């Protein structure tokens, strides 16, 4: 009786396996071979900066025409050029590699405090508790949330400030999203200048809160009017102007918040 049951179950398994195999072949959807070819051109970082669920999903969407050849932030101009050639579209001119930039220049020793913060040692937590005890409510808190989320080892902490390694940075944007103060942005990698401040306090209050903050003096605006504008008490730079000499603005900035952008 047991032997009969074993035989019956074995036959049923064999029959169902055959049916499943037939169904798999019958309902099989052929994958566009171009997906694998496009995937081979991508960096394989699966960072998600392109808005897709990994490199494979990006390749699938690329073939469908849902994303542009420039959509791979991590790959930069080289990957964009390779994808453009593969897709048979015109190569893009002027596409530049992007990198993360930190818009705060106050080191840990320069940050003026109004209280001692003793809570959870993350920027996200400290920002919720009276600005982490700092007088400036706009600058870096220094606990390295950006450093912790970077998947490419492109950020290191030095004297309480994140330092970006432009050779490793892929502009994936994870550090931008992780910063509760929104002091990190993506700018052209070959741009040698940035405004290392994010404060919108008046000049008088900024002087009280930070020795290296923007005081809205407008010297930069006078020295390089095509590049700098002071908006809401903060020097704002047009980061697309990579070919304009800003040396006078850097030299004459009284608080030195316009800095050379380097690793």
Protein backbone atom coordinates (compact mmCIF):
# COMPACT_ATOMS: atom_id res chain seq x y z
CA UNK A 1 0.00 0.00 0.00
CA UNK A 2 2.82 2.38 0.88
CA UNK A 3 4.62 1.38 -2.32
CA UNK A 4 1.48 2.16 -4.35
CA UNK A 5 1.24 5.60 -2.75
CA UNK A 6 4.89 6.30 -3.52
CA UNK A 7 4.42 5.27 -7.15
CA UNK A 8 1.28 7.42 -7.50
CA UNK A 9 2.97 10.45 -5.96
CA UNK A 10 6.01 9.94 -8.18
CA UNK A 11 3.84 9.78 -11.30
CA UNK A 12 1.92 12.88 -10.25
CA UNK A 13 5.18 14.73 -9.65
CA UNK A 14 6.47 13.68 -13.05
CA UNK A 15 3.25 14.78 -14.77
CA UNK A 16 3.10 18.16 -12.98
CA UNK A 17 6.78 18.79 -13.67
CA UNK A 18 6.15 18.18 -17.33
CA UNK A 19 3.16 20.51 -17.30
CA UNK A 20 5.13 23.25 -15.56
CA UNK A 21 7.97 22.86 -18.03
CA UNK A 22 5.56 23.10 -20.95
CA UNK A 23 3.85 26.16 -19.42
CA UNK A 24 7.21 27.85 -18.81
CA UNK A 25 8.15 27.41 -22.44
CA UNK A 26 4.69 28.36 -23.74
CA UNK A 27 4.41 31.54 -21.69
CA UNK A 28 8.07 32.50 -21.91
CA UNK A 29 8.67 36.18 -22.69
CA UNK A 30 11.74 36.79 -24.77
CA UNK A 31 13.95 39.51 -23.27
CA UNK A 32 15.27 42.19 -25.54
CA UNK A 33 18.98 41.33 -25.94
CA UNK A 34 19.78 45.04 -25.92
CA UNK A 35 19.04 45.15 -22.19
CA UNK A 36 22.03 42.95 -21.40
CA UNK A 37 24.19 44.96 -23.78
CA UNK A 38 23.18 48.26 -22.16
CA UNK A 39 23.68 46.76 -18.71
CA UNK A 40 27.25 45.84 -19.62
CA UNK A 41 27.97 49.52 -20.32
CA UNK A 42 26.71 50.68 -16.92
CA UNK A 43 29.01 50.90 -13.87
CA UNK A 44 27.04 48.37 -11.81
CA UNK A 45 26.94 50.58 -8.72
CA UNK A 46 23.17 50.21 -8.27
CA UNK A 47 23.21 53.53 -6.42
CA UNK A 48 19.68 54.55 -7.42
CA UNK A 49 20.71 58.14 -8.21
CA UNK A 50 19.13 57.80 -11.66
CA UNK A 51 15.73 57.20 -10.08
CA UNK A 52 15.66 53.54 -11.15
CA UNK A 53 15.78 50.45 -8.99
CA UNK A 54 19.36 49.59 -9.84
CA UNK A 55 21.38 49.39 -13.05
CA UNK A 56 19.30 46.60 -14.61
CA UNK A 57 16.08 48.53 -14.19
CA UNK A 58 17.80 51.58 -15.71
CA UNK A 59 18.90 49.47 -18.71
CA UNK A 60 15.34 48.21 -19.19
CA UNK A 61 13.94 51.73 -19.02
CA UNK A 62 16.64 53.01 -21.37
CA UNK A 63 15.66 50.50 -24.05
CA UNK A 64 12.02 51.53 -23.63
CA UNK A 65 12.96 55.17 -24.05
CA UNK A 66 11.86 56.09 -20.54
CA UNK A 67 15.23 57.52 -19.43
CA UNK A 68 17.90 59.48 -21.36
CA UNK A 69 21.40 58.25 -22.09
CA UNK A 70 22.62 60.88 -19.63
CA UNK A 71 20.54 59.41 -16.82
CA UNK A 72 23.34 57.40 -15.21
CA UNK A 73 24.68 59.90 -12.68
CA UNK A 74 27.26 57.47 -11.36
CA UNK A 75 28.75 56.79 -14.79
CA UNK A 76 29.15 60.42 -15.78
CA UNK A 77 30.15 61.60 -19.26
CA UNK A 78 32.02 58.43 -20.25
CA UNK A 79 29.03 56.16 -19.68
CA UNK A 80 26.68 58.70 -21.26
CA UNK A 81 28.86 58.76 -24.40
CA UNK A 82 28.96 54.95 -24.53
CA UNK A 83 25.19 54.71 -24.14
CA UNK A 84 24.65 57.40 -26.77
CA UNK A 85 26.77 55.43 -29.25
CA UNK A 86 25.00 52.19 -28.36
CA UNK A 87 21.52 53.73 -28.72
CA UNK A 88 22.48 55.47 -31.94
CA UNK A 89 21.76 58.97 -30.70
CA UNK A 90 23.88 62.05 -31.07
CA UNK A 91 26.74 62.34 -28.59
CA UNK A 92 26.16 65.11 -26.12
CA UNK A 93 28.48 68.06 -26.02
CA UNK A 94 29.48 69.82 -22.84
CA UNK A 95 28.33 67.10 -20.48
CA UNK A 96 30.49 67.30 -17.36
CA UNK A 97 31.05 65.08 -14.38
CA UNK A 98 29.32 66.20 -11.22
CA UNK A 99 30.57 65.96 -7.66
CA UNK A 100 29.29 66.64 -4.17
CA UNK A 101 30.16 70.01 -2.62
CA UNK A 102 29.87 71.06 1.03
CA UNK A 103 28.49 74.55 1.56
CA UNK A 104 29.91 75.13 5.02
CA UNK A 105 33.46 75.96 5.96
CA UNK A 106 33.21 76.13 9.74
CA UNK A 107 35.41 73.48 11.33
CA UNK A 108 34.51 71.98 14.68
CA UNK A 109 36.78 74.41 16.51
CA UNK A 110 35.19 77.39 14.75
CA UNK A 111 31.57 76.53 15.57
CA UNK A 112 30.23 78.77 18.29
CA UNK A 113 27.95 77.08 20.79
CA UNK A 114 25.00 78.22 22.82
CA UNK A 115 24.60 74.90 24.64
CA UNK A 116 26.17 71.44 24.91
CA UNK A 117 24.39 68.76 22.92
CA UNK A 118 24.45 65.32 24.54
CA UNK A 119 21.85 63.43 22.50
CA UNK A 120 22.13 60.84 19.74
CA UNK A 121 25.30 61.50 17.78
CA UNK A 122 23.80 61.94 14.35
CA UNK A 123 23.15 65.09 12.36
CA UNK A 124 19.49 64.16 11.88
CA UNK A 125 18.94 63.85 15.63
CA UNK A 126 21.01 66.87 16.63
CA UNK A 127 19.22 69.13 14.16
CA UNK A 128 15.94 68.42 15.95
CA UNK A 129 17.28 69.50 19.34
CA UNK A 130 17.85 73.26 19.34
CA UNK A 131 20.22 73.11 16.35
CA UNK A 132 22.51 70.69 18.15
CA UNK A 133 23.55 73.41 20.56
CA UNK A 134 25.17 75.50 17.80
CA UNK A 135 24.54 79.20 17.33
CA UNK A 136 24.38 78.81 13.55
CA UNK A 137 21.21 77.07 12.49
CA UNK A 138 22.40 76.53 8.92
CA UNK A 139 25.90 75.02 9.05
CA UNK A 140 27.37 71.54 9.34
CA UNK A 141 26.61 69.67 12.55
CA UNK A 142 29.65 67.43 12.11
CA UNK A 143 28.32 63.99 13.05
CA UNK A 144 28.94 62.48 9.62
CA UNK A 145 25.55 61.27 8.39
CA UNK A 146 26.83 61.97 4.88
CA UNK A 147 29.98 59.96 5.54
CA UNK A 148 27.95 56.98 6.77
CA UNK A 149 25.68 56.78 3.72
CA UNK A 150 28.34 57.23 1.04
CA UNK A 151 28.64 53.87 -0.78
CA UNK A 152 31.85 54.82 -2.60
CA UNK A 153 34.12 55.85 0.29
CA UNK A 154 34.23 59.34 -1.23
CA UNK A 155 33.73 61.24 2.04
CA UNK A 156 35.98 61.52 5.05
CA UNK A 157 35.47 63.64 8.15
CA UNK A 158 38.18 66.17 8.99
CA UNK A 159 37.87 68.52 11.97
CA UNK A 160 34.12 67.97 12.00
CA UNK A 161 33.60 68.71 8.30
CA UNK A 162 33.01 66.30 5.43
CA UNK A 163 35.75 66.35 2.78
CA UNK A 164 34.83 65.07 -0.68
CA UNK A 165 37.20 62.95 -2.73
CA UNK A 166 36.25 64.07 -6.23
CA UNK A 167 37.99 61.09 -7.82
CA UNK A 168 35.74 58.68 -5.93
CA UNK A 169 32.52 60.70 -5.85
CA UNK A 170 29.95 59.55 -8.39
CA UNK A 171 27.38 62.25 -7.60
CA UNK A 172 24.89 59.60 -6.53
CA UNK A 173 23.21 62.15 -4.25
CA UNK A 174 22.96 59.98 -1.14
CA UNK A 175 24.90 62.50 0.94
CA UNK A 176 22.68 65.29 -0.36
CA UNK A 177 19.59 63.45 0.85
CA UNK A 178 21.16 62.49 4.19
CA UNK A 179 22.10 66.02 5.26
CA UNK A 180 19.32 67.54 7.40
CA UNK A 181 20.75 71.03 6.90
CA UNK A 182 20.85 70.65 3.09
CA UNK A 183 24.37 72.03 2.90
CA UNK A 184 25.55 69.49 0.30
CA UNK A 185 24.80 69.90 -3.39
CA UNK A 186 26.06 68.53 -6.69
CA UNK A 187 28.18 70.87 -8.82
CA UNK A 188 30.43 70.42 -11.88
CA UNK A 189 33.56 68.52 -10.92
CA UNK A 190 35.85 70.81 -12.88
CA UNK A 191 34.57 73.91 -11.11
CA UNK A 192 37.32 75.09 -8.76
CA UNK A 193 35.25 77.46 -6.61
CA UNK A 194 32.28 77.22 -4.25
CA UNK A 195 30.46 79.22 -1.61
CA UNK A 196 31.21 77.44 1.67
CA UNK A 197 28.27 78.85 3.59
CA UNK A 198 24.52 78.27 3.74
CA UNK A 199 23.48 80.89 6.31
CA UNK A 200 20.64 83.29 5.66
CA UNK A 201 21.21 85.25 8.85
CA UNK A 202 21.91 88.95 8.61
CA UNK A 203 25.55 89.93 8.38
CA UNK A 204 25.59 91.10 12.00
CA UNK A 205 24.16 87.82 13.30
CA UNK A 206 26.45 85.75 11.12
CA UNK A 207 29.47 87.54 12.59
CA UNK A 208 28.25 86.58 16.07
CA UNK A 209 27.57 82.97 15.10
CA UNK A 210 30.44 82.05 12.78
CA UNK A 211 33.84 83.52 11.85
CA UNK A 212 33.76 82.13 8.29
CA UNK A 213 30.14 82.72 7.31
CA UNK A 214 28.78 84.91 4.52
CA UNK A 215 27.95 88.42 5.78
CA UNK A 216 26.22 89.53 2.57
CA UNK A 217 28.77 92.28 1.96
CA UNK A 218 28.32 91.91 -1.83
CA UNK A 219 32.03 92.22 -2.59
CA UNK A 220 31.86 88.98 -4.60
CA UNK A 221 28.90 90.37 -6.53
CA UNK A 222 30.87 93.48 -7.43
CA UNK A 223 34.01 91.55 -8.38
CA UNK A 224 32.26 88.88 -10.47
CA UNK A 225 28.70 90.04 -11.21
CA UNK A 226 28.13 87.34 -13.81
CA UNK A 227 28.85 84.63 -11.26
CA UNK A 228 27.71 85.84 -7.84
CA UNK A 229 24.48 87.31 -6.55
CA UNK A 230 23.61 87.94 -2.92
CA UNK A 231 20.15 86.54 -2.28
CA UNK A 232 18.52 86.50 1.15
CA UNK A 233 21.78 87.44 2.89
CA UNK A 234 23.79 84.71 1.16
CA UNK A 235 26.19 84.79 -1.78
CA UNK A 236 24.74 82.53 -4.46
CA UNK A 237 27.01 81.25 -7.19
CA UNK A 238 26.05 80.27 -10.72
CA UNK A 239 27.88 76.94 -10.89
CA UNK A 240 27.45 76.73 -14.65
CA UNK A 241 29.99 79.56 -15.10
CA UNK A 242 33.04 77.35 -15.06
CA UNK A 243 35.10 79.55 -17.37
CA UNK A 244 35.00 82.85 -15.45
CA UNK A 245 37.90 83.94 -13.26
CA UNK A 246 36.73 84.31 -9.67
CA UNK A 247 40.12 84.92 -8.10
CA UNK A 248 39.34 88.53 -7.12
CA UNK A 249 36.16 87.48 -5.32
CA UNK A 250 38.06 84.76 -3.45
CA UNK A 251 40.87 87.12 -2.48
CA UNK A 252 38.64 89.97 -1.30
CA UNK A 253 35.98 87.95 0.55
CA UNK A 254 36.38 89.25 4.14
CA UNK A 255 35.34 85.98 5.82
CA UNK A 256 36.90 83.67 3.22
CA UNK A 257 33.66 81.80 2.66
CA UNK A 258 34.33 81.64 -1.08
CA UNK A 259 36.85 78.86 -1.35
CA UNK A 260 38.80 76.71 -3.76
CA UNK A 261 36.90 73.47 -4.28
CA UNK A 262 39.35 70.60 -3.89
CA UNK A 263 39.59 67.19 -2.21
